[in-house]
């Protein structure tokens, strides 16, 4: 199968990721921080090692400010529900994923006011539009670094500078960028950074995390055993324990660490260059097909390898089914980002999304283009 659904979950994973997960389950399947025996101690050290790797990726000085979660959805829920209260105002954008929009909708029912800033046809948000929506009670700006529908890269550096100047907390969803684009929480003035492990970090599903600025006080989503302060019925305040109740997904965390090792060995710039070259080729070939409607930005410097399109006169779901018959896996529909479609003209039809990855090759694109021609010919 030709796999073009890497924005959902990167596949395949580097071999070392599979090996690390299996090794963890077979050889060090204990509870970290829950015992004084060697297995528990070794596992705790390995988990700390993964925290350090993530901290280095984002220029975080203290790895203890990296909290592990089940994924970016939990991370975003933790940030939003742990921070916002009745009377607060939050600014977000029309390009956001439902992992932001749905928690905000729930908070809106509890008295949190929300402003959704529009995007243009290319998926870009305007800094001017954000600034003019700032109110006296604006507590948070939340934005995705890269759109999971169009691949558009937002200028988080400028937005972060605005938030710092206005003393507003800045939350960034980096699911579609961490591991592909350089991210610096200091330069970009990021206070909260939510990430998933199973996309560009090459880890398994069911693992993710969040960076939390130590100056920000969040309420935990859950309380329970942490392996620390076990003689107390009160949830500990120390981070990351405060937010990591229950047994951690240890195979997932160590698999994530192995994925980051892969990125460091190949080099983030090499990975980005390969994706850019593949994206350039894909867009070039799609533009040759008169029956293809493309969405998003043309400039490859301001996009990633996430490409949305439709075949003229055909529902996106049908296109996806027909491509599946050709053994090509793509994503179709709304991609859990409902608001963006009213801005790019795809309400009631969604888009066909190709999301390229490091393990794709030019031959895959050649086969894909031939399949599209065959599909259109048989309409």
Protein backbone atom coordinates (compact mmCIF):
# COMPACT_ATOMS: atom_id res chain seq x y z
CA UNK A 1 0.00 0.00 0.00
CA UNK A 2 1.05 3.58 -0.68
CA UNK A 3 0.42 5.40 2.58
CA UNK A 4 -0.45 9.09 2.28
CA UNK A 5 -2.12 9.63 5.69
CA UNK A 6 0.84 10.67 7.79
CA UNK A 7 -0.93 13.73 9.23
CA UNK A 8 -3.24 11.30 11.03
CA UNK A 9 -0.58 8.79 12.10
CA UNK A 10 2.87 8.40 10.61
CA UNK A 11 3.37 4.96 9.10
CA UNK A 12 5.58 3.02 8.96
CA UNK A 13 7.65 3.79 12.02
CA UNK A 14 11.44 3.51 12.14
CA UNK A 15 12.43 -0.05 12.99
CA UNK A 16 14.08 1.07 16.21
CA UNK A 17 10.71 2.31 17.49
CA UNK A 18 9.13 -1.13 17.13
CA UNK A 19 12.17 -2.72 18.73
CA UNK A 20 12.15 -0.35 21.69
CA UNK A 21 8.46 -0.86 22.42
CA UNK A 22 8.79 -4.65 22.34
CA UNK A 23 11.97 -4.57 24.43
CA UNK A 24 10.27 -2.40 27.03
CA UNK A 25 7.29 -4.72 27.34
CA UNK A 26 9.41 -7.88 27.48
CA UNK A 27 12.28 -6.72 29.66
CA UNK A 28 11.40 -3.68 31.78
CA UNK A 29 7.63 -3.88 32.12
CA UNK A 30 7.47 -2.42 35.61
CA UNK A 31 5.99 0.75 37.10
CA UNK A 32 8.40 3.71 37.11
CA UNK A 33 8.73 5.48 40.44
CA UNK A 34 6.61 2.83 42.15
CA UNK A 35 9.33 0.56 43.48
CA UNK A 36 12.92 0.38 44.66
CA UNK A 37 13.81 -2.60 42.47
CA UNK A 38 16.05 -2.34 39.42
CA UNK A 39 13.31 -2.68 36.81
CA UNK A 40 11.33 0.24 38.22
CA UNK A 41 14.45 2.37 38.60
CA UNK A 42 15.71 1.61 35.08
CA UNK A 43 12.34 2.42 33.58
CA UNK A 44 12.16 5.72 35.46
CA UNK A 45 15.58 6.64 34.08
CA UNK A 46 14.49 5.81 30.53
CA UNK A 47 11.37 7.93 30.89
CA UNK A 48 13.47 10.82 32.16
CA UNK A 49 15.69 10.38 29.12
CA UNK A 50 12.68 10.87 26.81
CA UNK A 51 11.66 14.01 28.73
CA UNK A 52 15.16 15.37 28.18
CA UNK A 53 15.01 14.62 24.44
CA UNK A 54 11.71 16.49 24.06
CA UNK A 55 12.96 19.41 26.16
CA UNK A 56 16.01 19.77 23.91
CA UNK A 57 13.81 19.79 20.80
CA UNK A 58 11.90 22.85 22.00
CA UNK A 59 14.73 24.61 23.92
CA UNK A 60 13.19 23.95 27.32
CA UNK A 61 15.65 24.30 30.22
CA UNK A 62 13.85 21.96 32.63
CA UNK A 63 12.65 18.58 31.36
CA UNK A 64 10.33 18.31 34.37
CA UNK A 65 8.08 20.85 32.65
CA UNK A 66 7.33 18.19 30.02
CA UNK A 67 4.19 16.28 31.03
CA UNK A 68 3.20 13.03 29.32
CA UNK A 69 -0.41 12.47 28.28
CA UNK A 70 -2.33 10.02 26.12
CA UNK A 71 -1.98 12.41 23.18
CA UNK A 72 -2.48 15.98 22.02
CA UNK A 73 -6.23 15.86 22.66
CA UNK A 74 -5.66 15.23 26.37
CA UNK A 75 -2.88 17.83 26.38
CA UNK A 76 -5.14 20.50 24.88
CA UNK A 77 -7.99 19.61 27.22
CA UNK A 78 -5.59 19.90 30.15
CA UNK A 79 -4.39 23.31 29.00
CA UNK A 80 -7.82 24.75 28.20
CA UNK A 81 -9.84 23.31 31.07
CA UNK A 82 -7.01 23.68 33.54
CA UNK A 83 -6.53 27.36 32.73
CA UNK A 84 -9.82 28.99 31.71
CA UNK A 85 -12.57 30.02 34.11
CA UNK A 86 -15.91 31.79 33.92
CA UNK A 87 -15.38 35.36 32.76
CA UNK A 88 -12.18 34.62 30.82
CA UNK A 89 -11.84 35.38 27.11
CA UNK A 90 -9.90 33.24 24.64
CA UNK A 91 -8.91 33.91 21.01
CA UNK A 92 -8.53 31.07 18.54
CA UNK A 93 -8.74 30.63 14.76
CA UNK A 94 -10.96 29.06 12.13
CA UNK A 95 -8.24 26.56 11.22
CA UNK A 96 -8.28 24.74 14.55
CA UNK A 97 -8.84 21.05 15.14
CA UNK A 98 -11.80 19.81 17.17
CA UNK A 99 -9.39 18.98 19.98
CA UNK A 100 -9.39 22.76 20.54
CA UNK A 101 -12.85 23.71 19.29
CA UNK A 102 -14.84 21.15 21.27
CA UNK A 103 -13.26 21.83 24.68
CA UNK A 104 -13.73 25.56 24.00
CA UNK A 105 -17.39 24.95 23.16
CA UNK A 106 -17.83 23.13 26.45
CA UNK A 107 -16.08 25.95 28.32
CA UNK A 108 -18.24 28.51 26.53
CA UNK A 109 -21.29 26.90 28.13
CA UNK A 110 -19.61 27.54 31.49
CA UNK A 111 -19.06 31.24 30.91
CA UNK A 112 -15.81 31.43 28.95
CA UNK A 113 -16.14 33.77 25.96
CA UNK A 114 -14.55 32.79 22.66
CA UNK A 115 -13.47 34.76 19.59
CA UNK A 116 -12.69 32.82 16.41
CA UNK A 117 -10.41 34.79 14.11
CA UNK A 118 -10.95 34.14 10.37
CA UNK A 119 -8.38 32.84 7.90
CA UNK A 120 -7.82 33.65 4.24
CA UNK A 121 -8.18 31.26 1.30
CA UNK A 122 -4.64 30.02 1.88
CA UNK A 123 -5.31 29.21 5.52
CA UNK A 124 -3.33 32.11 6.95
CA UNK A 125 -4.39 34.04 10.03
CA UNK A 126 -3.71 37.77 10.32
CA UNK A 127 -1.79 39.15 13.28
CA UNK A 128 -3.83 42.34 12.91
CA UNK A 129 -7.06 40.37 13.24
CA UNK A 130 -5.80 38.72 16.42
CA UNK A 131 -4.67 41.99 17.97
CA UNK A 132 -7.93 43.80 17.31
CA UNK A 133 -9.87 41.06 19.14
CA UNK A 134 -7.88 41.38 22.36
CA UNK A 135 -10.06 42.47 25.28
CA UNK A 136 -9.39 43.40 28.88
CA UNK A 137 -10.25 39.84 29.99
CA UNK A 138 -8.38 38.01 27.20
CA UNK A 139 -6.42 35.31 28.99
CA UNK A 140 -5.31 33.01 26.18
CA UNK A 141 -4.52 32.79 22.48
CA UNK A 142 -4.54 29.24 21.10
CA UNK A 143 -3.48 28.34 17.56
CA UNK A 144 -2.17 25.40 15.58
CA UNK A 145 1.32 25.90 14.19
CA UNK A 146 0.42 24.03 11.01
CA UNK A 147 -3.05 23.35 9.63
CA UNK A 148 -3.90 19.65 9.43
CA UNK A 149 -6.13 20.42 6.42
CA UNK A 150 -3.97 22.73 4.28
CA UNK A 151 -0.47 22.38 5.71
CA UNK A 152 -0.25 26.17 6.10
CA UNK A 153 2.42 27.30 8.57
CA UNK A 154 1.37 30.13 10.88
CA UNK A 155 3.77 32.82 12.07
CA UNK A 156 3.84 31.75 15.71
CA UNK A 157 6.87 33.92 16.38
CA UNK A 158 4.95 37.14 15.66
CA UNK A 159 1.86 35.92 17.49
CA UNK A 160 3.96 34.89 20.47
CA UNK A 161 5.60 38.31 20.57
CA UNK A 162 2.16 39.95 20.55
CA UNK A 163 0.98 37.73 23.40
CA UNK A 164 4.05 38.47 25.49
CA UNK A 165 3.65 42.22 24.91
CA UNK A 166 -0.03 42.05 25.90
CA UNK A 167 0.65 39.65 28.80
CA UNK A 168 -1.59 36.96 27.32
CA UNK A 169 -0.85 33.24 27.66
CA UNK A 170 0.11 31.59 24.36
CA UNK A 171 -0.88 27.95 23.66
CA UNK A 172 0.37 26.28 20.47
CA UNK A 173 -0.75 22.97 18.97
CA UNK A 174 2.36 21.55 17.28
CA UNK A 175 0.97 18.17 16.22
CA UNK A 176 1.75 18.89 12.56
CA UNK A 177 5.12 20.55 13.10
CA UNK A 178 7.16 19.17 16.01
CA UNK A 179 9.78 16.90 14.47
CA UNK A 180 9.59 18.66 11.09
CA UNK A 181 10.02 22.38 11.83
CA UNK A 182 12.32 24.03 14.39
CA UNK A 183 10.41 25.20 17.48
CA UNK A 184 11.85 27.33 20.26
CA UNK A 185 9.57 28.09 23.20
CA UNK A 186 11.80 31.00 24.23
CA UNK A 187 12.09 32.74 20.87
CA UNK A 188 8.42 32.11 20.09
CA UNK A 189 7.24 33.08 23.59
CA UNK A 190 5.24 29.86 23.94
CA UNK A 191 3.72 29.22 27.37
CA UNK A 192 1.91 25.95 26.63
CA UNK A 193 2.84 23.54 23.84
CA UNK A 194 0.73 20.46 23.06
CA UNK A 195 2.13 17.62 20.95
CA UNK A 196 1.27 14.11 19.82
CA UNK A 197 3.81 11.32 19.67
CA UNK A 198 2.41 9.28 16.81
CA UNK A 199 2.76 11.79 13.99
CA UNK A 200 6.03 13.58 13.15
CA UNK A 201 7.82 12.23 16.22
CA UNK A 202 7.46 8.64 14.91
CA UNK A 203 6.23 7.23 18.20
CA UNK A 204 3.27 4.87 18.73
CA UNK A 205 -0.34 5.88 19.16
CA UNK A 206 -1.56 6.67 22.66
CA UNK A 207 1.30 8.92 23.72
CA UNK A 208 1.77 12.68 23.64
CA UNK A 209 2.50 15.49 25.99
CA UNK A 210 2.54 19.14 26.87
CA UNK A 211 5.13 21.69 27.87
CA UNK A 212 3.89 23.86 30.72
CA UNK A 213 5.57 27.13 31.64
CA UNK A 214 6.30 26.79 35.38
CA UNK A 215 4.85 30.25 35.98
CA UNK A 216 1.41 29.09 34.80
CA UNK A 217 -0.92 27.38 37.25
CA UNK A 218 -3.16 24.72 35.71
CA UNK A 219 -5.76 22.56 37.41
CA UNK A 220 -5.16 18.84 36.75
CA UNK A 221 -7.73 16.88 34.77
CA UNK A 222 -7.41 13.93 37.12
CA UNK A 223 -6.05 13.00 40.53
CA UNK A 224 -4.61 9.74 41.76
CA UNK A 225 -1.46 7.78 42.43
CA UNK A 226 1.78 9.36 41.27
CA UNK A 227 4.38 7.36 43.16
CA UNK A 228 5.25 10.52 45.09
CA UNK A 229 3.89 11.86 48.40
CA UNK A 230 1.94 8.61 48.69
CA UNK A 231 1.21 9.24 52.38
CA UNK A 232 -1.04 12.18 51.42
CA UNK A 233 -4.59 12.17 50.02
CA UNK A 234 -3.92 15.54 48.39
CA UNK A 235 -2.68 15.68 44.80
CA UNK A 236 0.99 16.78 44.78
CA UNK A 237 1.78 20.20 43.32
CA UNK A 238 5.19 19.20 41.98
CA UNK A 239 5.38 18.93 38.17
CA UNK A 240 5.12 16.58 36.29
CA UNK A 241 3.55 14.45 39.05
CA UNK A 242 0.65 16.88 39.44
CA UNK A 243 -0.59 15.97 35.95
CA UNK A 244 0.56 12.35 35.59
CA UNK A 245 -1.72 10.36 37.88
CA UNK A 246 -1.89 6.65 37.14
CA UNK A 247 0.53 4.31 35.43
CA UNK A 248 2.27 5.97 32.52
CA UNK A 249 2.26 4.49 29.01
CA UNK A 250 5.84 3.33 29.43
CA UNK A 251 6.21 1.41 26.14
CA UNK A 252 4.74 4.44 24.37
CA UNK A 253 7.09 6.89 26.06
CA UNK A 254 10.17 4.83 25.31
CA UNK A 255 8.96 4.24 21.75
CA UNK A 256 8.57 8.01 21.44
CA UNK A 257 12.13 8.43 22.66
CA UNK A 258 13.33 6.06 19.96
CA UNK A 259 11.40 8.08 17.37
CA UNK A 260 13.16 11.25 18.50
CA UNK A 261 16.49 9.42 18.26
CA UNK A 262 15.63 8.66 14.63
CA UNK A 263 14.92 12.34 13.95
CA UNK A 264 18.20 13.38 15.55
CA UNK A 265 20.15 10.81 13.53
CA UNK A 266 18.62 11.81 10.18
CA UNK A 267 18.46 15.53 10.99
CA UNK A 268 15.32 17.65 11.09
CA UNK A 269 16.56 19.72 8.13
CA UNK A 270 17.07 16.60 6.01
CA UNK A 271 13.57 15.37 6.87
CA UNK A 272 12.09 18.77 6.03
CA UNK A 273 14.00 19.00 2.72
CA UNK A 274 12.80 15.58 1.59
CA UNK A 275 9.18 16.43 2.42
CA UNK A 276 9.48 19.78 0.60
CA UNK A 277 10.85 18.11 -2.53
CA UNK A 278 8.06 15.53 -2.49
CA UNK A 279 5.47 18.26 -1.95
CA UNK A 280 6.84 20.33 -4.84
CA UNK A 281 6.60 17.30 -7.13
CA UNK A 282 3.09 16.44 -5.97
CA UNK A 283 1.79 19.98 -6.47
CA UNK A 284 3.50 20.25 -9.86
CA UNK A 285 1.83 17.07 -11.08
CA UNK A 286 -1.59 17.91 -9.60
CA UNK A 287 -1.57 21.31 -11.33
CA UNK A 288 -1.21 19.52 -14.67
CA UNK A 289 -4.59 17.86 -14.15
CA UNK A 290 -7.43 20.23 -15.19
CA UNK A 291 -10.01 18.28 -13.17
CA UNK A 292 -8.18 18.82 -9.85
CA UNK A 293 -9.20 21.63 -7.48
CA UNK A 294 -6.34 22.52 -5.12
CA UNK A 295 -6.66 24.31 -1.79
CA UNK A 296 -4.08 26.13 0.27
CA UNK A 297 -0.86 28.02 -0.24
CA UNK A 298 1.52 27.62 -3.20
CA UNK A 299 4.73 28.77 -1.52
CA UNK A 300 6.44 25.67 -0.18
CA UNK A 301 8.38 27.70 2.40
CA UNK A 302 5.10 28.44 4.18
CA UNK A 303 3.56 24.99 4.03
CA UNK A 304 4.27 21.38 4.87
CA UNK A 305 3.53 18.21 2.92
CA UNK A 306 -0.18 18.26 3.77
CA UNK A 307 -2.09 18.80 0.51
CA UNK A 308 -5.87 19.08 0.14
CA UNK A 309 -7.73 18.78 -3.16
CA UNK A 310 -10.90 17.54 -4.83
CA UNK A 311 -11.75 16.00 -8.16
CA UNK A 312 -14.19 18.28 -9.93
CA UNK A 313 -17.75 17.02 -9.52
CA UNK A 314 -16.82 14.15 -7.19
CA UNK A 315 -17.43 13.80 -3.46
CA UNK A 316 -14.20 13.56 -1.48
CA UNK A 317 -15.30 10.32 0.22
CA UNK A 318 -15.87 8.63 -3.13
CA UNK A 319 -12.45 9.74 -4.32
CA UNK A 320 -10.94 8.25 -1.20
CA UNK A 321 -12.75 4.94 -1.69
CA UNK A 322 -11.63 4.72 -5.31
CA UNK A 323 -8.03 5.47 -4.32
CA UNK A 324 -8.25 2.77 -1.67
CA UNK A 325 -9.24 0.37 -4.42
CA UNK A 326 -5.95 1.34 -6.07
CA UNK A 327 -4.16 0.52 -2.79
CA UNK A 328 -3.51 4.18 -1.94
CA UNK A 329 -4.43 5.43 1.55
CA UNK A 330 -5.57 9.06 1.92
CA UNK A 331 -7.84 10.93 4.34
CA UNK A 332 -11.16 12.40 3.22
CA UNK A 333 -13.87 14.60 4.70
CA UNK A 334 -13.49 17.39 7.23
CA UNK A 335 -10.36 16.16 9.04
CA UNK A 336 -11.84 17.10 12.46
CA UNK A 337 -11.47 20.79 11.56
CA UNK A 338 -15.01 21.91 10.66
CA UNK A 339 -14.64 25.69 10.58
CA UNK A 340 -11.90 25.88 7.97
CA UNK A 341 -14.16 24.50 5.25
CA UNK A 342 -16.42 27.54 5.18
CA UNK A 343 -13.35 29.64 4.33
CA UNK A 344 -11.92 27.44 1.57
CA UNK A 345 -15.27 26.59 -0.05
CA UNK A 346 -15.56 22.93 0.86
CA UNK A 347 -18.66 22.88 3.07
CA UNK A 348 -20.73 19.71 2.50
CA UNK A 349 -17.93 17.99 0.58
CA UNK A 350 -14.70 18.25 2.56
CA UNK A 351 -11.39 17.53 0.88
CA UNK A 352 -9.15 14.68 -0.13
CA UNK A 353 -5.99 15.02 1.94
CA UNK A 354 -2.58 13.70 1.01
CA UNK A 355 -0.08 13.99 3.86
CA UNK A 356 3.44 13.05 2.90
CA UNK A 357 6.03 11.52 5.20
CA UNK A 358 9.72 10.75 5.31
CA UNK A 359 9.14 7.19 4.10
CA UNK A 360 7.31 8.27 0.95
CA UNK A 361 9.18 8.30 -2.36
CA UNK A 362 8.77 9.98 -5.75
CA UNK A 363 7.51 6.70 -7.23
CA UNK A 364 4.54 6.83 -4.86
CA UNK A 365 3.52 10.17 -6.36
CA UNK A 366 3.83 8.81 -9.89
CA UNK A 367 1.51 5.91 -9.06
CA UNK A 368 -0.89 8.30 -7.31
CA UNK A 369 -1.16 10.63 -10.31
CA UNK A 370 -1.84 7.69 -12.62
CA UNK A 371 -4.58 6.52 -10.25
CA UNK A 372 -6.24 9.95 -10.31
CA UNK A 373 -6.23 9.96 -14.11
CA UNK A 374 -7.79 6.51 -14.14
CA UNK A 375 -10.48 7.54 -11.65
CA UNK A 376 -11.43 10.66 -13.61
CA UNK A 377 -11.47 8.75 -16.90
CA UNK A 378 -13.99 6.29 -15.45
CA UNK A 379 -16.41 8.89 -14.05
